[in-house]
Each structure stands twice: as C-alpha cells, then as structure tokens.
C-alpha cells in the first residue's frame, strides 16, 4: 500500500513555496495584474525556478535535474493552486513528461537549469485519450496548422508540437509561428491560439515513441492537475471557515448556524478524499502499465467537481462580499471552473475509467407500451 502522507522533504518543499508565494504573489497583486491586462508574473516564475528549482524536480539526476519525482511536483502544484499563481508550471511539467518519454536529454537539461521554457502545443482541454492534433507535416520538415486554447506558453520559448506521427520542436519566435491571445474565463492562466505556416521544425520523436510520450504527458497533466484543484479547494475551505467564524448575524457568528456547519463539514470530507485521490495519482505516475492512466482518470473524475463545489460554497457563504471584484473568491471560482475542463471533463474521465476497468456501457431498454404491463 502506497503511503499517501507527506514526508519531511515534501513538507519542507511546501514551506519554501508557500513562503515565496506569500511574499511575492498576494491576491491583491494578482488582481492588480489582471486589471493591467498582463497577469503572467515572469518575476515570480523566475524566483520559483532559481530559488526553489521547480523545473528540475521531475527531471532525473542523469539529465541534470533534482530527481525528486512527481509527488514533489504535486506538492508545488497544491501551493500554486492555493495562490492561483499566474505561472506556467503545469505546462512545463507536462512538456517535461513528454521529453522524458522521448529521451531528449539536451532539452531536459536546459529545462532543469531554467535556461529554456518548453510547452506542449495542445489545447488545454485535450484529454489523454484524444486523437492527434490538427497540425500537418510538410517537407523540411515544416509544420502547418492551428492549435486552439494552448496554456502556459512563453513568447520566447520552445513549442513541442504533435504533428503527423511525431513530436516536433519549434521556436515560438519563428516568423511562421503566430500566437493570438484568447479571452478566457481564468485570467490567471492565459490561453493562446497558435498558427503554424510552414514553420521550420526539428523532429524529437516519431512513431510509437512519440505517441506513447504524448499520452504519458497528457496523463501526467490530468493526474497533477488534481493536486492544483486540491489547493484551490483548500484555500476556499480555509478562507470560508475563517470568515463565518467572525461574520455575525442575529447576534451570533454565521458559522454557528447548523446549515452552514453541515455544508462546510461535507466539503471538508470531500476535500480529504480528493487529497488522497490526487496523492495517489501523482504517486502512480512513476509506475509502468495502466495504473497511471487509471489513477489519473479517477483523480479528474473526482477532484475537478470538488474544486468547483468548494469555490461555489466560498462565494455563497461570503454573501454579498463574495460577489465583489475586490474579493479574491472569484479568482478561485474561475480557476476551478476552467480546470474542470482541462485535460478532459469529469464525464470523459468517468467514461475512460469505465473502459479501463472493463465496466460495460449501460444499455438502453425500450419502454413498455401503454397497456403492455404483465404481458
């Protein structure tokens, strides 16, 4: 049985990330950045890379990384979810997992050292069992096509593009690559549409290796996103509990009313279960076979809806204050709602879960016509 508890090293990592976010990414600063139209915090991202070494956590030692693993990555994502931090860590981890599957040592070393930003050029809503992307391969090789709704890309970074039967590396600064910002619900995770017009590309992997690496990357994205959702839900629960303890109506704290107690108690139970599911999914990413896919599908089938419910409860129990732009509750509701469709919806993951455990699909039974009872 896997130990899902956090060990001392993971708690120390959590403390470092939380302290850094508390000092450099308070929600007031995030709201101000959204008002200014540029929520991406390059300075915060640089601190996380240089001071904590977040990009090297999942990279093995032989490729210049810390060799820590995905459990540690999940701890970082929990804290980033608690802060709705506008940094491209999830996308960096997904690209790293793809490169690990391709055995691309040079790029892995650059990522671990913080010298290169790499993003997987797939739409944020792409599920692990999705069909290959719409980009085609031409002579050269060159890539042509359009990918919609890509998250966590850097203007001067590298794009890892699924095309044909391979994965290709393309510099985002190429004139043949056009990035168009997309207005999205969650302003703390900007999306872009990327268009390739005969863009020069370098093959990273082809055939079965590329297909396996892409599936593994999307599976890792779904599994690790669950930890970010747990962080979002934890902030919502903690903040709401603190608020209803001090907010008074009819001469007593709001939190003393039975209906409020029950809602928060139910949410605490769901969050505790979600944390166990998310921890299991992160742990199984290092295991061969179908376990990783099974754990990732379970995590997204459960954790996404929990995060949405937690954010909705947060807004509702804050009353009128929770609906104001000046309060950060809406940041968490938008993050929860947007992650509910990232890497596949809960419904899609439930269907995938059923296939993975050989659960037969429900069959439709014709209704009995009127007067046919007993015949």
Protein backbone atom coordinates (compact mmCIF):
# COMPACT_ATOMS: atom_id res chain seq x y z
CA UNK A 1 0.00 0.00 0.00
CA UNK A 2 1.38 3.38 -1.01
CA UNK A 3 1.95 5.84 1.83
CA UNK A 4 -0.04 8.92 0.83
CA UNK A 5 1.16 11.05 3.75
CA UNK A 6 3.60 13.88 3.11
CA UNK A 7 7.15 13.18 4.22
CA UNK A 8 9.53 15.70 5.80
CA UNK A 9 11.13 16.68 2.49
CA UNK A 10 7.75 17.33 0.90
CA UNK A 11 6.65 19.47 3.83
CA UNK A 12 9.91 21.44 3.63
CA UNK A 13 9.31 21.99 -0.09
CA UNK A 14 5.75 23.12 0.66
CA UNK A 15 7.03 25.61 3.22
CA UNK A 16 9.54 27.10 0.79
CA UNK A 17 6.98 27.51 -1.98
CA UNK A 18 4.31 28.88 0.36
CA UNK A 19 6.66 31.46 1.87
CA UNK A 20 7.76 32.62 -1.57
CA UNK A 21 4.18 32.92 -2.80
CA UNK A 22 3.09 34.73 0.37
CA UNK A 23 5.85 37.29 -0.14
CA UNK A 24 5.61 37.78 -3.89
CA UNK A 25 2.14 36.67 -5.03
CA UNK A 26 -0.56 38.01 -2.69
CA UNK A 27 -4.01 38.02 -4.25
CA UNK A 28 -4.05 41.84 -4.25
CA UNK A 29 -1.09 41.82 -6.65
CA UNK A 30 -2.75 39.23 -8.88
CA UNK A 31 -5.94 41.30 -9.08
CA UNK A 32 -3.91 44.39 -9.95
CA UNK A 33 -2.09 42.49 -12.70
CA UNK A 34 -5.39 41.32 -14.17
CA UNK A 35 -6.61 44.93 -14.18
CA UNK A 36 -3.43 45.88 -16.02
CA UNK A 37 -4.09 43.26 -18.69
CA UNK A 38 -0.94 41.14 -18.11
CA UNK A 39 -1.45 38.62 -15.31
CA UNK A 40 1.56 36.43 -16.18
CA UNK A 41 4.15 37.02 -13.46
CA UNK A 42 7.57 36.49 -15.06
CA UNK A 43 9.43 37.68 -11.95
CA UNK A 44 7.57 35.20 -9.71
CA UNK A 45 8.25 32.39 -12.18
CA UNK A 46 11.94 33.26 -12.21
CA UNK A 47 12.05 33.09 -8.40
CA UNK A 48 10.38 29.69 -8.38
CA UNK A 49 12.88 28.39 -10.93
CA UNK A 50 16.00 29.92 -9.41
CA UNK A 51 15.25 29.73 -5.68
CA UNK A 52 13.21 26.53 -5.45
CA UNK A 53 14.27 24.74 -8.64
CA UNK A 54 10.73 23.71 -9.54
CA UNK A 55 11.50 22.90 -13.20
CA UNK A 56 14.13 20.34 -12.21
CA UNK A 57 12.01 18.37 -9.73
CA UNK A 58 10.74 15.76 -12.20
CA UNK A 59 13.97 15.61 -14.22
CA UNK A 60 16.28 12.67 -13.35
CA UNK A 61 19.73 13.38 -11.96
CA UNK A 62 21.41 11.97 -15.08
CA UNK A 63 19.72 14.74 -17.10
CA UNK A 64 20.77 17.49 -14.71
CA UNK A 65 17.63 17.57 -12.56
CA UNK A 66 16.84 17.01 -8.91
CA UNK A 67 15.44 13.53 -9.50
CA UNK A 68 12.71 14.12 -6.93
CA UNK A 69 9.61 12.79 -8.69
CA UNK A 70 6.00 13.68 -9.33
CA UNK A 71 4.91 13.55 -5.68
CA UNK A 72 7.06 16.62 -5.07
CA UNK A 73 5.70 18.25 -8.23
CA UNK A 74 2.21 17.68 -6.86
CA UNK A 75 3.10 19.47 -3.61
CA UNK A 76 4.23 22.52 -5.59
CA UNK A 77 1.00 22.47 -7.60
CA UNK A 78 -1.08 22.36 -4.42
CA UNK A 79 0.57 25.57 -3.26
CA UNK A 80 0.25 27.22 -6.66
CA UNK A 81 -3.44 26.33 -6.60
CA UNK A 82 -3.83 27.87 -3.14
CA UNK A 83 -2.40 31.10 -4.51
CA UNK A 84 -3.90 30.90 -8.04
CA UNK A 85 -0.38 31.87 -9.06
CA UNK A 86 -0.13 33.04 -12.70
CA UNK A 87 2.94 30.96 -13.62
CA UNK A 88 3.36 28.24 -16.31
CA UNK A 89 4.48 25.40 -14.02
CA UNK A 90 1.83 22.85 -15.02
CA UNK A 91 2.62 23.31 -18.70
CA UNK A 92 6.34 22.97 -18.01
CA UNK A 93 5.78 19.68 -16.19
CA UNK A 94 3.60 18.29 -18.99
CA UNK A 95 6.29 19.15 -21.57
CA UNK A 96 8.95 17.63 -19.32
CA UNK A 97 6.99 14.37 -19.12
CA UNK A 98 6.76 14.26 -22.92
CA UNK A 99 10.52 14.80 -23.26
CA UNK A 100 11.21 12.10 -20.68
CA UNK A 101 9.26 9.69 -22.87
CA UNK A 102 11.34 10.74 -25.87
CA UNK A 103 14.68 10.52 -24.06
CA UNK A 104 15.56 14.09 -25.13
CA UNK A 105 18.49 14.76 -22.80
CA UNK A 106 19.59 18.17 -24.14
CA UNK A 107 16.22 19.86 -23.68
CA UNK A 108 15.71 18.20 -20.30
CA UNK A 109 19.00 19.66 -19.07
CA UNK A 110 18.00 23.11 -20.30
CA UNK A 111 14.62 22.86 -18.57
CA UNK A 112 16.16 21.67 -15.30
CA UNK A 113 18.64 24.54 -15.36
CA UNK A 114 15.91 27.08 -16.08
CA UNK A 115 17.56 28.01 -19.38
CA UNK A 116 14.68 27.07 -21.64
CA UNK A 117 10.88 27.24 -21.37
CA UNK A 118 9.10 24.45 -23.21
CA UNK A 119 5.35 23.98 -23.66
CA UNK A 120 3.38 21.16 -25.24
CA UNK A 121 1.32 22.73 -28.03
CA UNK A 122 -2.03 21.07 -27.36
CA UNK A 123 -5.28 22.67 -26.28
CA UNK A 124 -5.79 22.85 -22.53
CA UNK A 125 -8.98 20.78 -22.86
CA UNK A 126 -7.17 17.89 -24.61
CA UNK A 127 -7.79 14.60 -22.82
CA UNK A 128 -5.21 11.79 -22.62
CA UNK A 129 -7.26 9.62 -24.99
CA UNK A 130 -7.79 12.39 -27.56
CA UNK A 131 -6.96 11.98 -31.24
CA UNK A 132 -3.75 13.51 -32.66
CA UNK A 133 -3.73 17.26 -33.23
CA UNK A 134 -4.63 19.18 -36.42
CA UNK A 135 -1.05 20.13 -37.39
CA UNK A 136 0.37 18.57 -40.55
CA UNK A 137 3.99 17.87 -41.52
CA UNK A 138 5.45 19.23 -44.76
CA UNK A 139 8.86 18.97 -46.42
CA UNK A 140 11.85 20.26 -44.49
CA UNK A 141 10.24 19.28 -42.15
CA UNK A 142 7.85 22.16 -41.67
CA UNK A 143 4.58 22.33 -39.73
CA UNK A 144 1.29 23.87 -40.79
CA UNK A 145 -1.98 24.11 -38.91
CA UNK A 146 -3.68 25.73 -35.96
CA UNK A 147 -3.90 24.67 -32.32
CA UNK A 148 -6.55 26.40 -30.19
CA UNK A 149 -6.52 27.20 -26.49
CA UNK A 150 -2.92 26.40 -25.55
CA UNK A 151 -1.87 27.32 -22.00
CA UNK A 152 1.46 28.12 -20.38
CA UNK A 153 3.39 29.16 -23.48
CA UNK A 154 6.22 31.68 -23.42
CA UNK A 155 6.72 34.17 -26.30
CA UNK A 156 10.41 33.28 -26.48
CA UNK A 157 10.13 29.62 -25.51
CA UNK A 158 10.07 26.34 -27.38
CA UNK A 159 6.93 24.56 -28.54
CA UNK A 160 6.69 20.78 -28.55
CA UNK A 161 4.15 20.10 -31.28
CA UNK A 162 2.34 16.81 -32.00
CA UNK A 163 2.05 16.52 -35.78
CA UNK A 164 1.55 13.53 -38.03
CA UNK A 165 3.05 10.55 -36.25
CA UNK A 166 5.69 12.54 -34.37
CA UNK A 167 6.62 15.24 -31.89
CA UNK A 168 8.47 18.29 -33.23
CA UNK A 169 10.28 21.19 -31.59
CA UNK A 170 9.51 24.66 -32.95
CA UNK A 171 10.85 28.00 -31.73
CA UNK A 172 7.99 30.31 -30.77
CA UNK A 173 9.93 33.30 -32.14
CA UNK A 174 9.82 31.93 -35.70
CA UNK A 175 8.04 34.33 -38.08
CA UNK A 176 5.99 31.37 -39.29
CA UNK A 177 4.51 30.95 -35.79
CA UNK A 178 1.71 33.29 -34.77
CA UNK A 179 0.33 33.40 -31.21
CA UNK A 180 -3.09 35.03 -30.74
CA UNK A 181 -4.28 35.67 -27.17
CA UNK A 182 -7.68 34.22 -26.29
CA UNK A 183 -10.14 35.78 -23.86
CA UNK A 184 -10.64 33.03 -21.28
CA UNK A 185 -12.60 32.65 -18.06
CA UNK A 186 -9.48 32.29 -15.92
CA UNK A 187 -7.27 35.32 -16.48
CA UNK A 188 -4.55 33.83 -14.25
CA UNK A 189 -3.90 31.12 -16.86
CA UNK A 190 -3.74 32.90 -20.23
CA UNK A 191 -4.57 30.91 -23.37
CA UNK A 192 -3.38 31.46 -26.93
CA UNK A 193 -4.26 30.11 -30.34
CA UNK A 194 -1.11 29.10 -32.22
CA UNK A 195 -0.94 29.04 -36.02
CA UNK A 196 1.92 27.41 -37.92
CA UNK A 197 2.53 28.38 -41.53
CA UNK A 198 5.29 26.14 -42.90
CA UNK A 199 7.20 26.66 -39.63
CA UNK A 200 10.68 25.07 -39.53
CA UNK A 201 10.68 22.16 -37.08
CA UNK A 202 13.06 19.60 -35.59
CA UNK A 203 11.86 16.03 -35.02
CA UNK A 204 12.08 14.96 -31.38
CA UNK A 205 10.43 11.55 -31.71
CA UNK A 206 8.32 9.66 -34.23
CA UNK A 207 6.08 6.61 -34.39
CA UNK A 208 5.20 4.64 -31.28
CA UNK A 209 7.72 6.51 -29.13
CA UNK A 210 6.09 9.85 -29.92
CA UNK A 211 2.55 8.50 -29.39
CA UNK A 212 3.47 6.94 -26.05
CA UNK A 213 5.26 10.11 -24.90
CA UNK A 214 2.27 12.31 -25.80
CA UNK A 215 -0.19 10.05 -23.98
CA UNK A 216 2.08 9.94 -20.94
CA UNK A 217 2.36 13.74 -20.92
CA UNK A 218 -1.40 14.28 -21.10
CA UNK A 219 -1.95 11.62 -18.43
CA UNK A 220 0.55 13.41 -16.19
CA UNK A 221 -1.27 16.68 -16.83
CA UNK A 222 -4.60 15.20 -15.76
CA UNK A 223 -3.10 13.50 -12.70
CA UNK A 224 -1.14 16.52 -11.48
CA UNK A 225 -3.93 19.00 -12.19
CA UNK A 226 -5.84 17.22 -9.41
CA UNK A 227 -3.30 18.50 -6.87
CA UNK A 228 -3.77 22.06 -8.10
CA UNK A 229 -7.52 21.58 -7.71
CA UNK A 230 -6.99 20.35 -4.16
CA UNK A 231 -5.01 23.53 -3.43
CA UNK A 232 -7.83 25.68 -4.83
CA UNK A 233 -10.41 23.84 -2.74
CA UNK A 234 -8.27 24.05 0.41
CA UNK A 235 -7.97 27.84 0.14
CA UNK A 236 -11.72 28.13 -0.39
CA UNK A 237 -12.50 26.00 2.67
CA UNK A 238 -9.94 27.69 4.95
CA UNK A 239 -10.99 31.20 3.92
CA UNK A 240 -14.69 30.45 4.31
CA UNK A 241 -14.25 28.88 7.77
CA UNK A 242 -12.29 31.94 8.92
CA UNK A 243 -14.97 34.26 7.54
CA UNK A 244 -18.03 32.55 9.06
CA UNK A 245 -16.31 32.49 12.45
CA UNK A 246 -16.12 36.30 12.55
CA UNK A 247 -19.15 37.33 10.47
CA UNK A 248 -22.11 37.86 12.78
CA UNK A 249 -25.85 37.84 12.09
CA UNK A 250 -28.69 37.92 14.61
CA UNK A 251 -26.14 38.43 17.35
CA UNK A 252 -24.10 35.29 16.72
CA UNK A 253 -21.39 34.06 14.30
CA UNK A 254 -22.71 32.81 10.97
CA UNK A 255 -20.65 29.67 11.43
CA UNK A 256 -22.73 28.68 14.45
CA UNK A 257 -25.80 28.00 12.27
CA UNK A 258 -26.37 24.32 11.63
CA UNK A 259 -26.89 24.64 7.86
CA UNK A 260 -23.53 26.41 7.47
CA UNK A 261 -21.79 23.83 9.66
CA UNK A 262 -23.17 20.97 7.58
CA UNK A 263 -22.09 22.48 4.26
CA UNK A 264 -18.56 23.06 5.47
CA UNK A 265 -18.34 19.63 7.13
CA UNK A 266 -19.44 17.95 3.90
CA UNK A 267 -16.88 19.97 1.96
CA UNK A 268 -14.12 19.00 4.42
CA UNK A 269 -14.91 15.31 3.88
CA UNK A 270 -14.89 15.71 0.09
CA UNK A 271 -11.62 17.62 0.21
CA UNK A 272 -9.96 14.98 2.39
CA UNK A 273 -10.99 12.30 -0.09
CA UNK A 274 -9.85 14.44 -3.03
CA UNK A 275 -6.41 14.89 -1.46
CA UNK A 276 -5.98 11.12 -1.13
CA UNK A 277 -7.07 10.58 -4.74
CA UNK A 278 -4.73 13.31 -6.02
CA UNK A 279 -1.77 12.00 -3.99
CA UNK A 280 -2.38 8.51 -5.35
CA UNK A 281 -2.49 9.82 -8.93
CA UNK A 282 0.82 11.66 -8.53
CA UNK A 283 2.43 8.59 -6.97
CA UNK A 284 1.27 6.26 -9.75
CA UNK A 285 2.84 8.39 -12.50
CA UNK A 286 6.12 6.63 -11.83
CA UNK A 287 4.62 3.15 -12.30
CA UNK A 288 4.62 1.25 -15.58
CA UNK A 289 1.43 -0.13 -17.09
CA UNK A 290 -2.14 1.10 -16.92
CA UNK A 291 -2.05 2.20 -13.28
CA UNK A 292 -1.09 5.78 -14.12
CA UNK A 293 -3.97 6.17 -16.58
CA UNK A 294 -6.41 4.61 -14.12
CA UNK A 295 -5.31 6.86 -11.25
CA UNK A 296 -5.37 9.99 -13.45
CA UNK A 297 -8.90 9.25 -14.69
CA UNK A 298 -10.10 8.69 -11.13
CA UNK A 299 -8.43 11.90 -9.94
CA UNK A 300 -10.04 14.09 -12.60
CA UNK A 301 -13.42 12.39 -12.26
CA UNK A 302 -13.43 13.34 -8.57
CA UNK A 303 -11.19 16.34 -7.86
CA UNK A 304 -12.49 18.71 -10.53
CA UNK A 305 -16.09 18.73 -9.25
CA UNK A 306 -14.86 19.05 -5.64
CA UNK A 307 -12.87 22.18 -6.51
CA UNK A 308 -15.90 23.73 -8.24
CA UNK A 309 -18.16 22.98 -5.26
CA UNK A 310 -15.60 24.42 -2.84
CA UNK A 311 -15.35 27.63 -4.86
CA UNK A 312 -19.12 27.94 -5.11
CA UNK A 313 -19.53 27.44 -1.36
CA UNK A 314 -16.83 30.06 -0.78
CA UNK A 315 -18.65 32.64 -2.88
CA UNK A 316 -22.07 31.84 -1.42
CA UNK A 317 -21.11 31.79 2.26
CA UNK A 318 -19.24 35.07 1.90
CA UNK A 319 -22.61 36.60 0.99
CA UNK A 320 -22.54 39.89 -0.90
CA UNK A 321 -18.82 40.28 -0.24
CA UNK A 322 -18.09 37.07 -2.17
CA UNK A 323 -19.64 38.51 -5.34
CA UNK A 324 -17.47 41.61 -5.42
CA UNK A 325 -14.50 42.07 -7.74
CA UNK A 326 -12.42 43.35 -4.83
CA UNK A 327 -12.61 39.98 -3.01
CA UNK A 328 -10.43 37.13 -4.39
CA UNK A 329 -13.18 34.47 -4.28
CA UNK A 330 -13.95 34.95 -7.97
CA UNK A 331 -10.34 34.13 -8.88
CA UNK A 332 -10.75 30.70 -7.31
CA UNK A 333 -14.16 30.09 -8.84
CA UNK A 334 -12.79 30.89 -12.30
CA UNK A 335 -9.72 28.71 -11.76
CA UNK A 336 -11.90 25.83 -10.54
CA UNK A 337 -14.31 26.18 -13.47
CA UNK A 338 -11.52 26.34 -16.05
CA UNK A 339 -9.66 23.35 -14.63
CA UNK A 340 -12.90 21.35 -14.69
CA UNK A 341 -12.47 21.05 -18.47
CA UNK A 342 -8.66 20.94 -18.60
CA UNK A 343 -7.22 17.62 -19.84
CA UNK A 344 -10.78 16.32 -20.25
CA UNK A 345 -14.01 16.82 -18.33
CA UNK A 346 -15.06 14.70 -15.36
CA UNK A 347 -17.62 12.93 -17.56
CA UNK A 348 -14.96 11.99 -20.08
CA UNK A 349 -12.69 10.67 -17.35
CA UNK A 350 -15.54 8.64 -15.86
CA UNK A 351 -16.04 7.05 -19.27
CA UNK A 352 -12.31 6.38 -19.54
CA UNK A 353 -12.33 4.91 -16.05
CA UNK A 354 -15.14 2.55 -17.05
CA UNK A 355 -13.17 1.36 -20.09
CA UNK A 356 -10.01 0.84 -18.05
CA UNK A 357 -11.79 -1.39 -15.54
CA UNK A 358 -13.84 -3.20 -18.23
CA UNK A 359 -17.12 -1.83 -16.98
CA UNK A 360 -19.77 -2.38 -19.69
CA UNK A 361 -21.61 0.63 -21.01
CA UNK A 362 -25.26 0.99 -19.94
CA UNK A 363 -27.72 -0.46 -22.41
CA UNK A 364 -30.92 1.28 -23.44
CA UNK A 365 -34.13 -0.60 -22.66
CA UNK A 366 -37.19 0.13 -24.81
CA UNK A 367 -40.07 1.38 -22.65
CA UNK A 368 -43.05 -0.93 -22.42
CA UNK A 369 -46.01 0.45 -24.43
CA UNK A 370 -49.12 1.51 -22.57
CA UNK A 371 -51.23 -1.49 -21.70
CA UNK A 372 -48.31 -3.88 -22.04
CA UNK A 373 -47.75 -4.47 -18.34
CA UNK A 374 -47.88 -8.12 -17.38
CA UNK A 375 -47.72 -9.38 -20.97
